[in-house]
Amino acid sequence: MTGHTSPFDGEGDTPWEPPLAGTEVEALLGALERLRWTFRFKADGLDRAGLGATVGASSLTLGGLLKHLAAQEDFAFGTKLSGEPLGEPWSGWGWDGSDDWEIVSAAHDAPEVLYRTYDDAVTRSRGRVAAALDAGEGLDRRAHVADGAANLRRLVCDLVEEYGRHTGHADLLREAVDGRTGEDPPEGWRPRPTTAEATAEGSS
């Protein structure tokens, strides 16, 4: 099986660069996109060993972070925004609702499954946020979570914070795997096409 379609196929040499003088929506979503691109760059192109590597006493892995951030994307812009259940692929994987399930269970997933899970979640999030903005009210649009006390702006800010923490973790993990460093991807970078070890393995 050849690679899958990635949401990180933007136009230009630096599609992750936020606008220098954008609107509030452009600046906030631009900050989130830059973190998504940077995280994907840090996690890109690794095999099971690379995705499963740890640093020091921490149990975090790049594979675990791919699956965790995928879940956070779906939870923020699906469940929190509109009240949708997490749905597939999560419901089909028997998630028991426990903390860090996705981080721990990633150790049993093929690299192709982890990359696809993350990329598909980002694609869904972009579509959901675009639809919410198109519906009017902009970032003031009320979310389902907290009985409507939260708005879309808060959800985006929360995900920026989540990525900020975990992209820092990814910096350390990737440097330990093969020495890759850098704040942003190099100009013109795109994810390496992935090949399935065994997509049929699914996720545990």
Protein backbone atom coordinates (compact mmCIF):
# COMPACT_ATOMS: atom_id res chain seq x y z
CA MET A 1 0.00 0.00 0.00
CA THR A 2 1.29 3.43 -0.86
CA GLY A 3 1.00 6.60 1.16
CA HIS A 4 -2.25 8.22 2.23
CA THR A 5 -3.43 11.73 1.49
CA SER A 6 -2.11 14.17 4.07
CA PRO A 7 -3.74 17.43 5.16
CA PHE A 8 -0.21 18.87 5.25
CA ASP A 9 -0.03 19.48 1.52
CA GLY A 10 -0.48 23.26 1.60
CA GLU A 11 0.57 25.63 -1.14
CA GLY A 12 3.82 27.54 -1.12
CA ASP A 13 7.14 26.87 0.58
CA THR A 14 6.01 27.86 4.11
CA PRO A 15 2.27 27.18 4.42
CA TRP A 16 2.65 26.98 8.21
CA GLU A 17 3.59 30.66 8.53
CA PRO A 18 0.77 32.72 10.14
CA PRO A 19 -0.13 36.08 8.58
CA LEU A 20 1.92 39.02 9.82
CA ALA A 21 -1.13 41.26 10.20
CA GLY A 22 -4.18 39.01 10.05
CA THR A 23 -7.60 39.24 11.61
CA GLU A 24 -8.25 37.61 14.99
CA VAL A 25 -9.50 34.46 13.26
CA GLU A 26 -6.52 34.34 10.89
CA ALA A 27 -4.01 34.93 13.68
CA LEU A 28 -5.50 32.38 16.09
CA LEU A 29 -6.03 29.65 13.51
CA GLY A 30 -2.63 30.50 12.03
CA ALA A 31 -0.97 29.87 15.39
CA LEU A 32 -2.75 26.50 15.65
CA GLU A 33 -1.75 25.56 12.11
CA ARG A 34 1.89 26.42 12.75
CA LEU A 35 1.90 24.12 15.77
CA ARG A 36 0.21 21.33 13.78
CA TRP A 37 2.80 21.57 11.02
CA THR A 38 5.70 21.71 13.47
CA PHE A 39 4.43 18.73 15.44
CA ARG A 40 3.87 16.72 12.26
CA PHE A 41 7.41 17.56 11.14
CA LYS A 42 8.82 16.35 14.44
CA ALA A 43 6.90 13.06 14.22
CA ASP A 44 7.37 12.43 10.50
CA GLY A 45 8.83 9.43 8.73
CA LEU A 46 9.57 7.11 11.65
CA ASP A 47 9.25 3.36 12.07
CA ARG A 48 7.93 1.53 15.13
CA ALA A 49 11.18 1.94 17.01
CA GLY A 50 11.33 5.68 16.40
CA LEU A 51 7.68 6.26 17.26
CA GLY A 52 8.10 4.17 20.42
CA ALA A 53 11.31 5.79 21.70
CA THR A 54 11.28 7.44 25.14
CA VAL A 55 13.52 9.94 26.90
CA GLY A 56 14.67 9.55 30.50
CA ALA A 57 12.00 8.53 32.99
CA SER A 58 9.12 9.73 30.80
CA SER A 59 6.82 7.20 29.12
CA LEU A 60 5.77 9.65 26.39
CA THR A 61 6.46 8.63 22.79
CA LEU A 62 5.93 10.33 19.45
CA GLY A 63 3.50 7.57 18.52
CA GLY A 64 1.55 8.18 21.70
CA LEU A 65 1.48 11.91 21.01
CA LEU A 66 0.22 11.37 17.45
CA LYS A 67 -2.72 9.38 18.79
CA HIS A 68 -3.30 11.68 21.76
CA LEU A 69 -3.39 14.86 19.68
CA ALA A 70 -5.68 13.16 17.16
CA ALA A 71 -8.09 12.43 20.01
CA GLN A 72 -7.80 16.01 21.27
CA GLU A 73 -8.63 17.35 17.79
CA ASP A 74 -11.80 15.25 17.60
CA PHE A 75 -12.77 15.97 21.21
CA ALA A 76 -12.31 19.74 20.88
CA PHE A 77 -14.02 20.36 17.56
CA GLY A 78 -16.46 17.45 17.61
CA THR A 79 -17.61 16.64 21.13
CA LYS A 80 -16.94 19.99 22.82
CA LEU A 81 -18.05 22.16 19.93
CA SER A 82 -21.22 20.39 18.82
CA GLY A 83 -21.83 17.54 21.26
CA GLU A 84 -21.00 14.84 18.73
CA PRO A 85 -19.70 11.59 20.24
CA LEU A 86 -16.11 10.80 19.35
CA GLY A 87 -17.33 8.16 16.92
CA GLU A 88 -14.98 6.35 14.57
CA PRO A 89 -12.22 5.42 14.71
CA TRP A 90 -12.35 5.75 18.51
CA SER A 91 -15.58 3.88 19.21
CA GLY A 92 -14.44 0.91 17.14
CA TRP A 93 -11.21 0.65 19.12
CA GLY A 94 -12.87 -0.01 22.45
CA TRP A 95 -11.65 3.11 24.20
CA ASP A 96 -12.49 2.56 27.87
CA GLY A 97 -12.48 6.24 28.76
CA SER A 98 -9.45 6.00 31.00
CA ASP A 99 -6.81 8.72 31.09
CA ASP A 100 -3.94 8.22 28.66
CA TRP A 101 -5.56 5.21 26.95
CA GLU A 102 -4.60 6.58 23.56
CA ILE A 103 -1.02 7.27 24.63
CA VAL A 104 -0.49 3.76 26.02
CA SER A 105 -2.38 1.88 23.30
CA ALA A 106 -0.35 3.54 20.54
CA ALA A 107 2.48 1.13 21.29
CA HIS A 108 0.42 -1.59 19.56
CA ASP A 109 -0.35 0.42 16.42
CA ALA A 110 1.49 0.29 13.10
CA PRO A 111 3.11 3.60 12.07
CA GLU A 112 0.72 3.92 9.11
CA VAL A 113 -2.25 3.68 11.47
CA LEU A 114 -0.87 6.39 13.75
CA TYR A 115 -0.06 8.80 10.91
CA ARG A 116 -3.42 8.23 9.25
CA THR A 117 -5.30 8.65 12.54
CA TYR A 118 -3.62 11.97 13.21
CA ASP A 119 -3.88 13.33 9.66
CA ASP A 120 -7.55 12.37 9.37
CA ALA A 121 -8.36 14.05 12.69
CA VAL A 122 -6.71 17.30 11.55
CA THR A 123 -8.72 17.18 8.32
CA ARG A 124 -11.96 16.71 10.29
CA SER A 125 -11.08 19.58 12.63
CA ARG A 126 -10.38 22.00 9.82
CA GLY A 127 -13.74 21.15 8.24
CA ARG A 128 -15.64 21.50 11.50
CA VAL A 129 -14.09 24.85 12.38
CA ALA A 130 -14.68 26.19 8.87
CA ALA A 131 -18.33 25.12 9.04
CA ALA A 132 -18.76 26.75 12.45
CA LEU A 133 -17.26 30.01 11.22
CA ASP A 134 -19.36 29.94 8.05
CA ALA A 135 -22.50 29.59 10.20
CA GLY A 136 -21.90 33.05 11.64
CA GLU A 137 -20.85 34.58 14.97
CA GLY A 138 -17.18 33.85 14.28
CA LEU A 139 -15.12 32.88 17.31
CA ASP A 140 -18.00 33.97 19.55
CA ARG A 141 -20.01 30.96 18.41
CA ARG A 142 -21.19 29.10 21.49
CA ALA A 143 -19.95 25.57 22.05
CA HIS A 144 -21.86 22.59 23.40
CA VAL A 145 -19.47 22.11 26.32
CA ALA A 146 -20.24 23.75 29.70
CA ASP A 147 -23.89 24.24 28.71
CA GLY A 148 -22.94 26.87 26.17
CA ALA A 149 -20.78 28.94 28.51
CA ALA A 150 -17.71 28.37 26.31
CA ASN A 151 -17.20 29.66 22.80
CA LEU A 152 -15.18 28.56 19.78
CA ARG A 153 -12.42 31.00 20.70
CA ARG A 154 -11.85 29.14 23.98
CA LEU A 155 -11.71 25.77 22.21
CA VAL A 156 -9.09 27.00 19.76
CA CYS A 157 -7.04 28.54 22.57
CA ASP A 158 -7.23 25.31 24.55
CA LEU A 159 -5.92 23.31 21.59
CA VAL A 160 -3.11 25.82 21.01
CA GLU A 161 -2.11 25.26 24.64
CA GLU A 162 -2.30 21.47 24.21
CA TYR A 163 -0.08 21.59 21.14
CA GLY A 164 2.33 24.00 22.80
CA ARG A 165 3.01 21.52 25.59
CA HIS A 166 3.28 18.46 23.39
CA THR A 167 5.26 20.05 20.57
CA GLY A 168 7.88 20.82 23.20
CA HIS A 169 7.84 17.14 24.19
CA ALA A 170 8.16 16.21 20.52
CA ASP A 171 11.25 18.43 20.20
CA LEU A 172 13.06 16.37 22.83
CA LEU A 173 11.82 13.00 21.62
CA ARG A 174 12.75 13.57 17.97
CA GLU A 175 16.20 14.91 18.78
CA ALA A 176 16.83 11.79 20.86
CA VAL A 177 15.74 9.52 17.97
CA ASP A 178 17.89 10.91 15.15
CA GLY A 179 19.08 14.41 16.03
CA ARG A 180 16.36 16.29 14.12
CA THR A 181 15.98 19.82 15.49
CA GLY A 182 14.53 23.10 14.34
CA GLU A 183 11.71 25.48 15.21
CA ASP A 184 9.84 25.16 11.91
CA PRO A 185 10.06 22.66 9.07
CA PRO A 186 12.55 23.63 6.35
CA GLU A 187 11.12 25.53 3.40
CA GLY A 188 9.22 23.26 1.04
CA TRP A 189 8.88 20.42 3.57
CA ARG A 190 6.01 17.97 3.26
CA PRO A 191 5.40 14.73 5.20
CA ARG A 192 7.14 11.66 3.87
CA PRO A 193 4.74 9.21 2.20
CA THR A 194 4.07 6.33 4.57
CA THR A 195 3.73 2.68 3.68
CA ALA A 196 1.58 0.33 5.71
CA GLU A 197 3.36 -2.26 7.78
CA ALA A 198 -0.03 -3.80 8.31
CA THR A 199 -2.97 -1.44 8.15
CA ALA A 200 -5.10 -4.49 8.75
CA GLU A 201 -3.62 -4.66 12.25
CA GLY A 202 -5.85 -1.74 13.13
CA SER A 203 -5.59 -0.20 16.55
CA SER A 204 -5.75 -1.70 19.99
